[in-house]
Amino acid sequence: MKNAINKLFSFLAAFFSKKSNRRVTYLALISLFALCEFLYLGLVRRTFIFYTNIDGNTVVEDRMLRRFYNPETDIRRYIDEVLLGPVSPDLAPLFPRDTRLFSCMYREAVIYADLTEIAALPIPEGRDVFRSLLTLNEGLRRNFPHIKDVRLFIGGNEVFFNEFFEIFAKSADNSKAAP
C-alpha cells in the first residue's frame, strides 16, 4: 500500500514540475470553478430596448437576471425590469415611473400582462403609448422564443389588439432570431 502511495506522489511531483502541466491544471480548475458558479447562480442574459432622450434612437441594454425555472416567473421578472426603466440616464423609460405590473399569466404559450392605468398616460419625453407597448411586446418575443402570442392590458382592457395582430401575424419566425 505504501508503495502505491509513493508512486502516486512521485507521479504527481513529476507532473507538476513541468510548467505547461501546471498551467493546464490551473486552467482546468478555473474552468471547473466557473462552471460550478454558473450552475449555482443560475443567471441568464436578457436584452431590453429603450430610446434615447434626444433623438429617439433605439439602444439595447443587456442585463443579467436570475433564472427562475418557472416561465411565468421569468416573464414577470422581465416585465418588472422593463417597467423600472433604463440604467443609463441618457435613455428614456418606456412607461411613466409609477407604472406597475398588476397581473401576469403565462398559459399555453400566451402571455397575459395587465399594467396599471398610469401606463396609458404619455411620458414627459414624448413617446407614445403604442410604441412603448410594441417595444415591450417585441422584447418579450425576443427574450422568450417559446411565446406564441402576447396580450397586453391596461387597467383590465386589452390594448391595440388589431394593430399587434397585423404586425406579428406577418412577422418573421422569432425563434430563429438571436436574442
Protein backbone atom coordinates (compact mmCIF):
# COMPACT_ATOMS: atom_id res chain seq x y z
CA MET A 1 0.00 0.00 0.00
CA LYS A 2 2.81 2.42 0.90
CA ASN A 3 4.45 1.60 -2.39
CA ALA A 4 1.34 2.63 -4.36
CA ILE A 5 1.04 5.90 -2.44
CA ASN A 6 4.71 6.67 -3.01
CA LYS A 7 4.30 6.01 -6.75
CA LEU A 8 1.25 8.33 -6.87
CA PHE A 9 3.10 11.16 -5.12
CA SER A 10 6.15 10.75 -7.30
CA PHE A 11 3.94 10.83 -10.42
CA LEU A 12 2.20 14.00 -9.22
CA ALA A 13 5.51 15.64 -8.33
CA ALA A 14 6.88 14.85 -11.79
CA PHE A 15 3.67 16.04 -13.44
CA PHE A 16 3.60 19.40 -11.64
CA SER A 17 7.31 20.01 -12.07
CA LYS A 18 6.66 20.93 -15.71
CA LYS A 19 5.37 24.48 -16.16
CA SER A 20 2.99 23.58 -19.01
CA ASN A 21 1.29 20.89 -16.92
CA ARG A 22 0.73 23.34 -14.07
CA ARG A 23 -0.83 25.85 -16.45
CA VAL A 24 -3.21 23.26 -17.88
CA THR A 25 -4.18 22.20 -14.37
CA TYR A 26 -4.81 25.79 -13.29
CA LEU A 27 -6.89 26.41 -16.41
CA ALA A 28 -8.92 23.27 -15.73
CA LEU A 29 -9.54 24.29 -12.11
CA ILE A 30 -10.60 27.82 -13.09
CA SER A 31 -12.94 26.41 -15.75
CA LEU A 32 -14.44 23.97 -13.27
CA PHE A 33 -14.96 26.79 -10.75
CA ALA A 34 -16.63 29.00 -13.39
CA LEU A 35 -18.96 26.17 -14.45
CA CYS A 36 -19.96 25.46 -10.86
CA GLU A 37 -20.60 29.16 -10.23
CA PHE A 38 -22.70 29.42 -13.42
CA LEU A 39 -24.81 26.41 -12.48
CA TYR A 40 -25.21 27.55 -8.89
CA LEU A 41 -26.13 31.18 -9.58
CA GLY A 42 -28.48 30.45 -12.48
CA LEU A 43 -28.16 33.81 -14.26
CA VAL A 44 -29.49 34.45 -17.74
CA ARG A 45 -28.83 37.38 -20.09
CA ARG A 46 -31.88 39.40 -21.14
CA THR A 47 -31.98 42.28 -23.61
CA PHE A 48 -34.03 45.46 -23.14
CA ILE A 49 -34.78 48.07 -25.79
CA PHE A 50 -35.03 51.72 -24.82
CA TYR A 51 -34.89 55.01 -26.72
CA THR A 52 -32.54 57.96 -26.33
CA ASN A 53 -33.92 61.19 -24.86
CA ILE A 54 -32.58 63.43 -27.61
CA ASP A 55 -33.25 61.81 -30.97
CA GLY A 56 -35.27 58.68 -30.16
CA ASN A 57 -32.75 56.15 -31.48
CA THR A 58 -33.01 52.64 -30.11
CA VAL A 59 -30.45 51.38 -27.62
CA VAL A 60 -30.22 47.80 -26.38
CA GLU A 61 -29.30 47.15 -22.76
CA ASP A 62 -28.13 43.75 -21.55
CA ARG A 63 -28.87 42.69 -18.01
CA MET A 64 -28.15 39.51 -16.14
CA LEU A 65 -31.27 38.33 -14.34
CA ARG A 66 -31.67 35.42 -12.01
CA ARG A 67 -33.26 32.46 -13.75
CA PHE A 68 -36.32 31.01 -12.11
CA TYR A 69 -37.16 27.64 -13.52
CA ASN A 70 -40.76 28.71 -13.96
CA PRO A 71 -41.50 30.55 -17.25
CA GLU A 72 -44.23 32.69 -15.71
CA THR A 73 -41.88 33.98 -13.00
CA ASP A 74 -39.14 34.68 -15.58
CA ILE A 75 -41.60 36.65 -17.72
CA ARG A 76 -42.94 38.59 -14.73
CA ARG A 77 -39.39 39.47 -13.71
CA TYR A 78 -38.58 40.65 -17.24
CA ILE A 79 -41.66 42.93 -17.36
CA ASP A 80 -40.82 44.33 -13.92
CA GLU A 81 -37.32 45.19 -15.16
CA VAL A 82 -38.75 46.93 -18.24
CA LEU A 83 -41.05 48.98 -16.02
CA LEU A 84 -38.10 50.02 -13.85
CA GLY A 85 -36.65 51.74 -16.91
CA PRO A 86 -33.16 52.02 -18.33
CA VAL A 87 -29.95 52.03 -16.34
CA SER A 88 -28.38 54.84 -18.38
CA PRO A 89 -29.63 58.36 -17.57
CA ASP A 90 -29.48 59.27 -21.28
CA LEU A 91 -32.28 56.85 -22.11
CA ALA A 92 -36.00 57.39 -21.71
CA PRO A 93 -38.24 54.90 -19.91
CA LEU A 94 -40.94 53.16 -21.93
CA PHE A 95 -43.68 53.90 -19.40
CA PRO A 96 -44.34 56.53 -16.71
CA ARG A 97 -42.38 55.88 -13.50
CA ASP A 98 -45.40 54.83 -11.44
CA THR A 99 -46.49 52.09 -13.85
CA ARG A 100 -46.69 48.67 -12.21
CA LEU A 101 -47.48 45.17 -13.39
CA PHE A 102 -50.89 44.35 -11.96
CA SER A 103 -51.02 40.72 -13.10
CA CYS A 104 -49.15 38.38 -15.40
CA MET A 105 -50.17 34.92 -16.58
CA TYR A 106 -48.50 32.51 -18.98
CA ARG A 107 -50.92 29.93 -20.36
CA GLU A 108 -50.45 27.70 -23.41
CA ALA A 109 -47.60 29.81 -24.87
CA VAL A 110 -49.60 33.06 -24.48
CA ILE A 111 -48.67 35.88 -22.10
CA TYR A 112 -51.42 37.94 -20.49
CA ALA A 113 -49.94 41.02 -18.82
CA ASP A 114 -52.05 43.72 -17.18
CA LEU A 115 -50.41 47.07 -16.42
CA THR A 116 -51.82 49.73 -14.13
CA GLU A 117 -53.85 52.58 -15.66
CA ILE A 118 -50.99 55.05 -15.50
CA ALA A 119 -49.30 53.17 -18.38
CA ALA A 120 -51.82 54.82 -20.74
CA LEU A 121 -50.54 58.31 -19.93
CA PRO A 122 -47.87 59.88 -22.15
CA ILE A 123 -44.43 60.15 -20.64
CA PRO A 124 -42.66 63.52 -20.45
CA GLU A 125 -40.11 62.53 -23.09
CA GLY A 126 -42.94 62.44 -25.64
CA ARG A 127 -43.04 58.72 -26.51
CA ASP A 128 -46.45 57.42 -27.45
CA VAL A 129 -48.13 54.51 -25.69
CA PHE A 130 -48.36 52.36 -28.84
CA ARG A 131 -44.59 52.48 -29.41
CA SER A 132 -43.89 51.60 -25.77
CA LEU A 133 -46.29 48.66 -25.77
CA LEU A 134 -44.97 47.48 -29.14
CA THR A 135 -41.40 47.61 -27.77
CA LEU A 136 -42.46 45.61 -24.70
CA ASN A 137 -44.21 43.08 -26.94
CA GLU A 138 -41.15 42.70 -29.17
CA GLY A 139 -38.84 42.40 -26.16
CA LEU A 140 -40.92 39.60 -24.71
CA ARG A 141 -40.92 37.74 -28.03
CA ARG A 142 -37.16 38.24 -28.43
CA ASN A 143 -36.18 37.06 -24.95
CA PHE A 144 -38.68 34.20 -24.71
CA PRO A 145 -38.80 32.47 -28.12
CA HIS A 146 -41.30 29.85 -26.95
CA ILE A 147 -44.02 32.53 -26.74
CA LYS A 148 -46.70 32.35 -29.43
CA ASP A 149 -48.71 35.46 -28.51
CA VAL A 150 -48.59 38.44 -26.13
CA ARG A 151 -51.79 40.04 -24.87
CA LEU A 152 -51.23 43.36 -23.13
CA PHE A 153 -53.85 45.03 -20.97
CA ILE A 154 -54.04 48.41 -19.28
CA GLY A 155 -56.43 48.57 -16.37
CA GLY A 156 -58.08 45.32 -17.46
CA ASN A 157 -58.73 46.44 -21.06
CA GLU A 158 -56.83 44.84 -23.94
CA VAL A 159 -54.86 47.39 -25.94
CA PHE A 160 -54.02 47.53 -29.63
CA PHE A 161 -55.24 44.01 -30.36
CA ASN A 162 -55.80 44.54 -34.09
CA GLU A 163 -52.60 46.52 -34.61
CA PHE A 164 -50.43 43.93 -32.84
CA PHE A 165 -52.11 41.11 -34.72
CA GLU A 166 -51.32 42.77 -38.06
CA ILE A 167 -47.69 43.32 -37.06
CA PHE A 168 -46.93 39.92 -35.56
CA ALA A 169 -49.10 37.72 -37.79
CA LYS A 170 -46.83 38.54 -40.75
CA SER A 171 -43.53 38.80 -38.89
CA ALA A 172 -40.55 36.52 -39.26
CA ASP A 173 -40.15 33.48 -37.06
CA ASN A 174 -38.81 34.88 -33.76
CA SER A 175 -37.49 31.52 -32.65
CA LYS A 176 -34.70 31.82 -35.22
CA ALA A 177 -33.73 35.39 -34.27
CA ALA A 178 -30.84 35.94 -31.92
CA PRO A 179 -31.80 37.42 -28.51
